[in-house]
Structure formats: C-alpha cells, structure tokens
N, C-alpha and C. Protein backbone atom coordinates (compact mmCIF):
# COMPACT_ATOMS: atom_id res chain seq x y z
N UNK A 1 -39.65 18.03 8.78
CA UNK A 1 -40.10 19.34 8.32
C UNK A 1 -40.75 19.22 6.93
N UNK A 2 -40.19 18.36 6.07
CA UNK A 2 -40.75 18.20 4.73
C UNK A 2 -42.20 17.72 4.78
N UNK A 3 -42.50 16.78 5.68
CA UNK A 3 -43.86 16.24 5.77
C UNK A 3 -44.88 17.32 6.12
N UNK A 4 -44.50 18.21 7.03
CA UNK A 4 -45.41 19.30 7.41
C UNK A 4 -45.67 20.23 6.24
N UNK A 5 -44.62 20.54 5.50
CA UNK A 5 -44.77 21.43 4.34
C UNK A 5 -45.65 20.75 3.29
N UNK A 6 -45.37 19.50 3.03
CA UNK A 6 -46.13 18.77 2.02
C UNK A 6 -47.61 18.69 2.40
N UNK A 7 -47.91 18.37 3.65
CA UNK A 7 -49.30 18.30 4.10
C UNK A 7 -50.00 19.65 3.96
N UNK A 8 -49.28 20.72 4.30
CA UNK A 8 -49.85 22.07 4.21
C UNK A 8 -50.15 22.42 2.75
N UNK A 9 -49.23 22.11 1.84
CA UNK A 9 -49.44 22.42 0.43
C UNK A 9 -50.57 21.60 -0.17
N UNK A 10 -50.62 20.33 0.16
CA UNK A 10 -51.68 19.46 -0.39
C UNK A 10 -53.06 19.83 0.15
N UNK A 11 -53.12 20.44 1.32
CA UNK A 11 -54.41 20.83 1.90
C UNK A 11 -54.95 22.14 1.30
N UNK A 12 -54.15 22.85 0.53
CA UNK A 12 -54.61 24.10 -0.07
C UNK A 12 -55.74 23.88 -1.08
N UNK A 13 -55.64 22.81 -1.85
CA UNK A 13 -56.64 22.53 -2.89
C UNK A 13 -56.62 21.03 -3.15
N UNK A 14 -57.78 20.43 -3.31
CA UNK A 14 -57.82 18.98 -3.52
C UNK A 14 -57.35 18.57 -4.91
N UNK A 15 -57.14 19.52 -5.82
CA UNK A 15 -56.63 19.20 -7.16
C UNK A 15 -55.11 19.12 -7.21
N UNK A 16 -54.43 19.55 -6.17
CA UNK A 16 -52.96 19.55 -6.15
C UNK A 16 -52.45 18.12 -6.01
N UNK A 17 -51.52 17.76 -6.89
CA UNK A 17 -50.88 16.45 -6.87
C UNK A 17 -49.39 16.62 -6.63
N UNK A 18 -48.81 15.70 -5.88
CA UNK A 18 -47.38 15.74 -5.60
C UNK A 18 -46.66 14.84 -6.61
N UNK A 19 -45.60 15.38 -7.21
CA UNK A 19 -44.82 14.59 -8.18
C UNK A 19 -43.35 14.66 -7.76
N UNK A 20 -42.80 13.54 -7.35
CA UNK A 20 -41.42 13.48 -6.88
C UNK A 20 -40.52 13.08 -8.04
N UNK A 21 -39.51 13.92 -8.30
CA UNK A 21 -38.50 13.62 -9.31
C UNK A 21 -37.13 13.70 -8.65
N UNK A 22 -36.09 13.47 -9.40
CA UNK A 22 -34.75 13.35 -8.83
C UNK A 22 -34.28 14.60 -8.07
N UNK A 23 -34.45 15.79 -8.63
CA UNK A 23 -33.88 17.00 -8.05
C UNK A 23 -34.85 17.85 -7.25
N UNK A 24 -36.14 17.56 -7.35
CA UNK A 24 -37.13 18.39 -6.66
C UNK A 24 -38.44 17.63 -6.50
N UNK A 25 -39.34 18.21 -5.72
CA UNK A 25 -40.70 17.68 -5.58
C UNK A 25 -41.63 18.74 -6.14
N UNK A 26 -42.36 18.40 -7.19
CA UNK A 26 -43.26 19.34 -7.82
C UNK A 26 -44.68 19.15 -7.33
N UNK A 27 -45.41 20.23 -7.26
CA UNK A 27 -46.83 20.20 -6.90
C UNK A 27 -47.59 20.77 -8.08
N UNK A 28 -48.44 19.95 -8.68
CA UNK A 28 -49.08 20.39 -9.91
C UNK A 28 -50.60 20.33 -9.79
N UNK A 29 -51.20 21.18 -10.60
CA UNK A 29 -52.65 21.19 -10.79
C UNK A 29 -52.85 20.97 -12.28
N UNK A 30 -53.34 19.81 -12.64
CA UNK A 30 -53.43 19.47 -14.05
C UNK A 30 -52.03 19.31 -14.62
N UNK A 31 -51.72 20.10 -15.65
CA UNK A 31 -50.39 20.05 -16.27
C UNK A 31 -49.50 21.20 -15.83
N UNK A 32 -49.98 22.07 -14.98
CA UNK A 32 -49.20 23.22 -14.54
C UNK A 32 -48.60 22.97 -13.16
N UNK A 33 -47.37 23.41 -12.98
CA UNK A 33 -46.68 23.29 -11.69
C UNK A 33 -46.54 24.70 -11.12
N UNK A 34 -47.36 25.08 -10.14
CA UNK A 34 -47.26 26.43 -9.57
C UNK A 34 -46.10 26.60 -8.59
N UNK A 35 -45.68 25.52 -7.95
CA UNK A 35 -44.55 25.62 -7.02
C UNK A 35 -43.88 24.26 -6.89
N UNK A 36 -42.61 24.31 -6.45
CA UNK A 36 -41.86 23.08 -6.23
C UNK A 36 -40.93 23.27 -5.05
N UNK A 37 -40.50 22.16 -4.49
CA UNK A 37 -39.60 22.17 -3.33
C UNK A 37 -38.27 21.55 -3.72
N UNK A 38 -37.19 22.21 -3.31
CA UNK A 38 -35.85 21.65 -3.47
C UNK A 38 -35.29 21.49 -2.07
N UNK A 39 -34.88 20.29 -1.73
CA UNK A 39 -34.41 20.01 -0.37
C UNK A 39 -32.89 20.05 -0.30
N UNK A 40 -32.41 20.61 0.80
CA UNK A 40 -30.98 20.68 1.11
C UNK A 40 -30.79 20.18 2.53
N UNK A 41 -29.56 20.07 2.98
CA UNK A 41 -29.29 19.59 4.33
C UNK A 41 -29.90 20.48 5.40
N UNK A 42 -29.78 21.79 5.24
CA UNK A 42 -30.19 22.70 6.30
C UNK A 42 -31.45 23.50 5.99
N UNK A 43 -32.02 23.35 4.79
CA UNK A 43 -33.18 24.15 4.44
C UNK A 43 -33.94 23.50 3.29
N UNK A 44 -35.13 24.04 3.05
CA UNK A 44 -35.93 23.64 1.90
C UNK A 44 -36.28 24.92 1.15
N UNK A 45 -35.99 24.96 -0.14
CA UNK A 45 -36.35 26.12 -0.96
C UNK A 45 -37.66 25.83 -1.67
N UNK A 46 -38.60 26.76 -1.54
CA UNK A 46 -39.85 26.67 -2.28
C UNK A 46 -39.74 27.63 -3.45
N UNK A 47 -39.80 27.11 -4.65
CA UNK A 47 -39.75 27.94 -5.84
C UNK A 47 -41.17 28.18 -6.33
N UNK A 48 -41.53 29.43 -6.43
CA UNK A 48 -42.85 29.84 -6.89
C UNK A 48 -42.73 30.23 -8.35
N UNK A 49 -43.31 29.43 -9.22
CA UNK A 49 -43.18 29.66 -10.65
C UNK A 49 -44.22 30.66 -11.13
N UNK A 50 -43.79 31.51 -12.06
CA UNK A 50 -44.63 32.57 -12.64
C UNK A 50 -45.05 33.60 -11.60
N UNK A 51 -44.18 33.82 -10.60
CA UNK A 51 -44.47 34.77 -9.53
C UNK A 51 -43.24 35.64 -9.30
N UNK A 52 -43.49 36.94 -9.12
CA UNK A 52 -42.43 37.86 -8.72
C UNK A 52 -42.66 38.25 -7.26
N UNK A 53 -41.60 38.59 -6.53
CA UNK A 53 -41.78 38.97 -5.12
C UNK A 53 -42.78 40.11 -4.91
N UNK A 54 -42.88 41.02 -5.85
CA UNK A 54 -43.81 42.14 -5.70
C UNK A 54 -45.27 41.68 -5.73
N UNK A 55 -45.54 40.48 -6.27
CA UNK A 55 -46.90 39.94 -6.33
C UNK A 55 -47.35 39.31 -5.02
N UNK A 56 -46.42 39.16 -4.07
CA UNK A 56 -46.71 38.46 -2.82
C UNK A 56 -46.86 39.42 -1.65
N UNK A 57 -47.58 39.00 -0.66
CA UNK A 57 -47.66 39.73 0.61
C UNK A 57 -46.50 39.24 1.46
N UNK A 58 -45.39 39.96 1.40
CA UNK A 58 -44.15 39.55 2.05
C UNK A 58 -43.57 40.73 2.82
N UNK A 59 -44.11 41.03 4.01
CA UNK A 59 -43.66 42.22 4.74
C UNK A 59 -42.20 42.17 5.17
N UNK A 60 -41.66 40.98 5.38
CA UNK A 60 -40.26 40.87 5.82
C UNK A 60 -39.29 40.75 4.65
N UNK A 61 -39.81 40.77 3.42
CA UNK A 61 -38.98 40.67 2.20
C UNK A 61 -38.07 39.46 2.22
N UNK A 62 -38.63 38.30 2.54
CA UNK A 62 -37.85 37.06 2.62
C UNK A 62 -37.87 36.28 1.31
N UNK A 63 -38.69 36.69 0.37
CA UNK A 63 -38.75 36.03 -0.92
C UNK A 63 -37.86 36.80 -1.89
N UNK A 64 -37.07 36.08 -2.65
CA UNK A 64 -36.20 36.76 -3.61
C UNK A 64 -36.45 36.24 -5.02
N UNK A 65 -36.13 37.07 -5.97
CA UNK A 65 -36.31 36.75 -7.39
C UNK A 65 -35.11 35.99 -7.89
N UNK A 66 -35.33 34.91 -8.60
CA UNK A 66 -34.24 34.12 -9.16
C UNK A 66 -33.71 34.86 -10.39
N UNK A 67 -32.50 35.33 -10.28
CA UNK A 67 -31.88 36.13 -11.33
C UNK A 67 -31.85 35.36 -12.65
N UNK A 68 -32.17 36.05 -13.72
CA UNK A 68 -32.17 35.50 -15.08
C UNK A 68 -33.17 34.37 -15.28
N UNK A 69 -34.21 34.30 -14.45
CA UNK A 69 -35.18 33.21 -14.61
C UNK A 69 -35.94 33.32 -15.93
N UNK A 70 -36.20 34.53 -16.39
CA UNK A 70 -36.89 34.67 -17.68
C UNK A 70 -36.00 34.17 -18.82
N UNK A 71 -34.71 34.39 -18.69
CA UNK A 71 -33.77 33.96 -19.73
C UNK A 71 -33.60 32.43 -19.75
N UNK A 72 -33.46 31.82 -18.55
CA UNK A 72 -33.20 30.39 -18.48
C UNK A 72 -34.45 29.53 -18.52
N UNK A 73 -35.54 29.98 -17.87
CA UNK A 73 -36.75 29.16 -17.75
C UNK A 73 -37.93 29.72 -18.53
N UNK A 74 -37.79 30.90 -19.08
CA UNK A 74 -38.85 31.59 -19.81
C UNK A 74 -40.08 31.85 -18.93
N UNK A 75 -39.84 32.05 -17.64
CA UNK A 75 -40.90 32.42 -16.69
C UNK A 75 -40.26 33.02 -15.45
N UNK A 76 -41.04 33.82 -14.74
CA UNK A 76 -40.56 34.40 -13.49
C UNK A 76 -40.51 33.31 -12.42
N UNK A 77 -39.45 33.31 -11.62
CA UNK A 77 -39.31 32.35 -10.53
C UNK A 77 -38.87 33.11 -9.28
N UNK A 78 -39.64 32.95 -8.20
CA UNK A 78 -39.28 33.52 -6.91
C UNK A 78 -39.00 32.38 -5.95
N UNK A 79 -38.11 32.61 -4.99
CA UNK A 79 -37.70 31.56 -4.07
C UNK A 79 -37.89 32.02 -2.63
N UNK A 80 -38.48 31.14 -1.84
CA UNK A 80 -38.63 31.36 -0.40
C UNK A 80 -37.93 30.22 0.31
N UNK A 81 -36.97 30.53 1.20
CA UNK A 81 -36.23 29.50 1.92
C UNK A 81 -36.89 29.21 3.26
N UNK A 82 -37.10 27.93 3.51
CA UNK A 82 -37.69 27.48 4.77
C UNK A 82 -36.56 26.85 5.58
N UNK A 83 -36.17 27.53 6.65
CA UNK A 83 -35.03 27.09 7.45
C UNK A 83 -35.45 26.31 8.70
N UNK A 84 -36.66 26.53 9.20
CA UNK A 84 -37.15 25.83 10.37
C UNK A 84 -38.68 25.75 10.31
N UNK A 85 -39.28 25.07 11.27
CA UNK A 85 -40.72 24.85 11.22
C UNK A 85 -41.53 26.12 11.40
N UNK A 86 -40.98 27.15 12.02
CA UNK A 86 -41.69 28.41 12.19
C UNK A 86 -41.88 29.12 10.83
N UNK A 87 -41.01 28.83 9.89
CA UNK A 87 -41.11 29.47 8.56
C UNK A 87 -42.25 28.89 7.72
N UNK A 88 -42.76 27.73 8.08
CA UNK A 88 -43.80 27.07 7.27
C UNK A 88 -45.06 27.93 7.20
N UNK A 89 -45.48 28.50 8.31
CA UNK A 89 -46.71 29.29 8.32
C UNK A 89 -46.52 30.69 7.76
N UNK A 90 -45.29 31.11 7.55
CA UNK A 90 -45.05 32.43 6.96
C UNK A 90 -45.54 32.44 5.54
C-alpha cells in the first residue's frame, strides 16, 4: 500500500522529493515539506502541513485537525488516515 501512495504523491509534481527519516517519510519541494506519511501496522497517516480541514474538499469529513498543532509545531496540521487501498484515491 505504501508504494502506491508514494508513486501517487511523486507523480503530482516532478519537483517533489521523498525523504525517509526514522519516524516518517517526508515529501518536500525545495526546503518545504507540504505533507508526510507516518506508517503503522494497520494504517498510514498522511499529515498535511499548513492545512486545516476546512481548506480541503472533504465531503465525508475524514480529515481531522491535529489538536494543539499551532502550539507544538507552530503550524496547522491536518491528518488523513489511509486504512486500505480504496482510500488512496480519496
């Protein structure tokens, strides 16, 4: 499932680079990281940095705001959980 997500994200723009670190996989354009993936046993969380759920087209309200993200990270962080391959195209 990770490979499909990674391929989809990298195909969005040819400037996107994948950076793998210990706790997450970051996708950056230049020096900015617009989103990152955190992998778990049963799901993959996509964290959208500098984004609030109200900024997204999310009719099913599946994206949630990371509480206190402005306090801890000094930026808005929204999270979308990918539980199966059907969620990738959402």
